[in-house]
């Protein structure tokens, strides 16, 4: 395997691992903040669930947005179009 191919493979693995960690950690942090607010307000499961779901939805939306942006750049590169 050529050096350039290995580097590209490792970059892909890095991106995948970073996205996987982001999908797990972001909703957990949001749910943790919700839990602290729940304990302070005395309504324990409500904000934890709301913040956790919100964190997951925002993270997924960001993943899709980033994916679409990268695919548009790749399509432009493959089709020989120039970015404005």
C-alpha atoms as a PDB file:
ATOM      1  CA  UNK A   1       0.000   0.000   0.000  1.00  0.00           C
ATOM      2  CA  UNK A   2       1.333   3.387  -0.977  1.00  0.00           C
ATOM      3  CA  UNK A   3       2.074   6.082   1.619  1.00  0.00           C
ATOM      4  CA  UNK A   4      -0.569   8.430   0.202  1.00  0.00           C
ATOM      5  CA  UNK A   5      -3.240   5.712   0.351  1.00  0.00           C
ATOM      6  CA  UNK A   6      -2.356   4.873   3.946  1.00  0.00           C
ATOM      7  CA  UNK A   7      -2.477   8.539   4.937  1.00  0.00           C
ATOM      8  CA  UNK A   8      -5.901   8.936   3.354  1.00  0.00           C
ATOM      9  CA  UNK A   9      -7.125   5.786   5.077  1.00  0.00           C
ATOM     10  CA  UNK A  10      -5.911   7.049   8.468  1.00  0.00           C
ATOM     11  CA  UNK A  11      -7.520  10.437   7.871  1.00  0.00           C
ATOM     12  CA  UNK A  12     -10.802   8.666   7.182  1.00  0.00           C
ATOM     13  CA  UNK A  13     -10.459   6.628  10.356  1.00  0.00           C
ATOM     14  CA  UNK A  14      -9.703   9.790  12.328  1.00  0.00           C
ATOM     15  CA  UNK A  15     -12.767  11.533  10.954  1.00  0.00           C
ATOM     16  CA  UNK A  16     -14.958   8.530  11.679  1.00  0.00           C
ATOM     17  CA  UNK A  17     -13.729   8.209  15.248  1.00  0.00           C
ATOM     18  CA  UNK A  18     -14.159  11.936  15.855  1.00  0.00           C
ATOM     19  CA  UNK A  19     -17.737  11.816  14.558  1.00  0.00           C
ATOM     20  CA  UNK A  20     -18.552   8.748  16.646  1.00  0.00           C
ATOM     21  CA  UNK A  21     -17.247  10.403  19.808  1.00  0.00           C
ATOM     22  CA  UNK A  22     -19.144  13.576  18.953  1.00  0.00           C
ATOM     23  CA  UNK A  23     -22.393  11.619  18.513  1.00  0.00           C
ATOM     24  CA  UNK A  24     -22.000  10.140  22.004  1.00  0.00           C
ATOM     25  CA  UNK A  25     -20.397  12.924  24.043  1.00  0.00           C
ATOM     26  CA  UNK A  26     -22.473  15.906  22.901  1.00  0.00           C
ATOM     27  CA  UNK A  27     -25.880  14.477  23.901  1.00  0.00           C
ATOM     28  CA  UNK A  28     -24.405  13.171  27.169  1.00  0.00           C
ATOM     29  CA  UNK A  29     -23.045  16.599  28.048  1.00  0.00           C
ATOM     30  CA  UNK A  30     -26.362  18.231  27.163  1.00  0.00           C
ATOM     31  CA  UNK A  31     -28.262  15.663  29.246  1.00  0.00           C
ATOM     32  CA  UNK A  32     -25.825  16.226  32.125  1.00  0.00           C
ATOM     33  CA  UNK A  33     -26.497  19.951  32.070  1.00  0.00           C
ATOM     34  CA  UNK A  34     -30.222  19.197  31.931  1.00  0.00           C
ATOM     35  CA  UNK A  35     -29.855  16.877  34.918  1.00  0.00           C
ATOM     36  CA  UNK A  36     -28.115  19.584  36.951  1.00  0.00           C
ATOM     37  CA  UNK A  37     -30.903  22.024  36.092  1.00  0.00           C
ATOM     38  CA  UNK A  38     -33.504  19.340  36.913  1.00  0.00           C
ATOM     39  CA  UNK A  39     -32.009  18.772  40.354  1.00  0.00           C
ATOM     40  CA  UNK A  40     -31.882  22.509  40.990  1.00  0.00           C
ATOM     41  CA  UNK A  41     -35.517  22.981  39.897  1.00  0.00           C
ATOM     42  CA  UNK A  42     -36.775  19.697  41.372  1.00  0.00           C
ATOM     43  CA  UNK A  43     -38.206  18.256  38.144  1.00  0.00           C
ATOM     44  CA  UNK A  44     -35.654  15.490  37.679  1.00  0.00           C
ATOM     45  CA  UNK A  45     -36.212  13.650  34.368  1.00  0.00           C
ATOM     46  CA  UNK A  46     -37.705  16.444  32.271  1.00  0.00           C
ATOM     47  CA  UNK A  47     -34.804  18.677  31.229  1.00  0.00           C
ATOM     48  CA  UNK A  48     -32.358  15.763  31.122  1.00  0.00           C
ATOM     49  CA  UNK A  49     -34.402  14.070  28.430  1.00  0.00           C
ATOM     50  CA  UNK A  50     -35.167  17.291  26.552  1.00  0.00           C
ATOM     51  CA  UNK A  51     -31.540  18.448  26.507  1.00  0.00           C
ATOM     52  CA  UNK A  52     -30.267  14.959  25.622  1.00  0.00           C
ATOM     53  CA  UNK A  53     -32.660  14.627  22.675  1.00  0.00           C
ATOM     54  CA  UNK A  54     -31.894  18.184  21.587  1.00  0.00           C
ATOM     55  CA  UNK A  55     -28.150  17.473  21.707  1.00  0.00           C
ATOM     56  CA  UNK A  56     -28.592  14.312  19.634  1.00  0.00           C
ATOM     57  CA  UNK A  57     -30.793  16.019  17.029  1.00  0.00           C
ATOM     58  CA  UNK A  58     -28.429  18.981  16.660  1.00  0.00           C
ATOM     59  CA  UNK A  59     -25.425  16.664  16.383  1.00  0.00           C
ATOM     60  CA  UNK A  60     -27.130  14.536  13.718  1.00  0.00           C
ATOM     61  CA  UNK A  61     -28.221  17.629  11.798  1.00  0.00           C
ATOM     62  CA  UNK A  62     -24.653  18.933  11.881  1.00  0.00           C
ATOM     63  CA  UNK A  63     -23.324  15.591  10.641  1.00  0.00           C
ATOM     64  CA  UNK A  64     -25.727  15.639   7.686  1.00  0.00           C
ATOM     65  CA  UNK A  65     -24.918  19.287   6.900  1.00  0.00           C
ATOM     66  CA  UNK A  66     -21.151  18.616   6.955  1.00  0.00           C
ATOM     67  CA  UNK A  67     -21.584  15.487   4.834  1.00  0.00           C
ATOM     68  CA  UNK A  68     -23.603  17.350   2.198  1.00  0.00           C
ATOM     69  CA  UNK A  69     -21.040  20.166   2.091  1.00  0.00           C
ATOM     70  CA  UNK A  70     -18.171  17.689   1.620  1.00  0.00           C
ATOM     71  CA  UNK A  71     -20.073  15.823  -1.083  1.00  0.00           C
ATOM     72  CA  UNK A  72     -20.800  19.066  -2.963  1.00  0.00           C
ATOM     73  CA  UNK A  73     -17.106  19.927  -2.920  1.00  0.00           C
ATOM     74  CA  UNK A  74     -16.224  16.421  -4.106  1.00  0.00           C
ATOM     75  CA  UNK A  75     -18.819  16.561  -6.894  1.00  0.00           C
ATOM     76  CA  UNK A  76     -17.474  19.924  -8.029  1.00  0.00           C
ATOM     77  CA  UNK A  77     -13.941  18.516  -8.020  1.00  0.00           C
ATOM     78  CA  UNK A  78     -14.917  15.416  -9.991  1.00  0.00           C
ATOM     79  CA  UNK A  79     -17.038  17.300 -12.517  1.00  0.00           C
ATOM     80  CA  UNK A  80     -14.455  20.046 -12.986  1.00  0.00           C
ATOM     81  CA  UNK A  81     -16.672  22.852 -11.692  1.00  0.00           C
ATOM     82  CA  UNK A  82     -15.166  25.794  -9.890  1.00  0.00           C
ATOM     83  CA  UNK A  83     -16.423  27.080  -6.554  1.00  0.00           C
ATOM     84  CA  UNK A  84     -17.773  30.660  -6.589  1.00  0.00           C
END
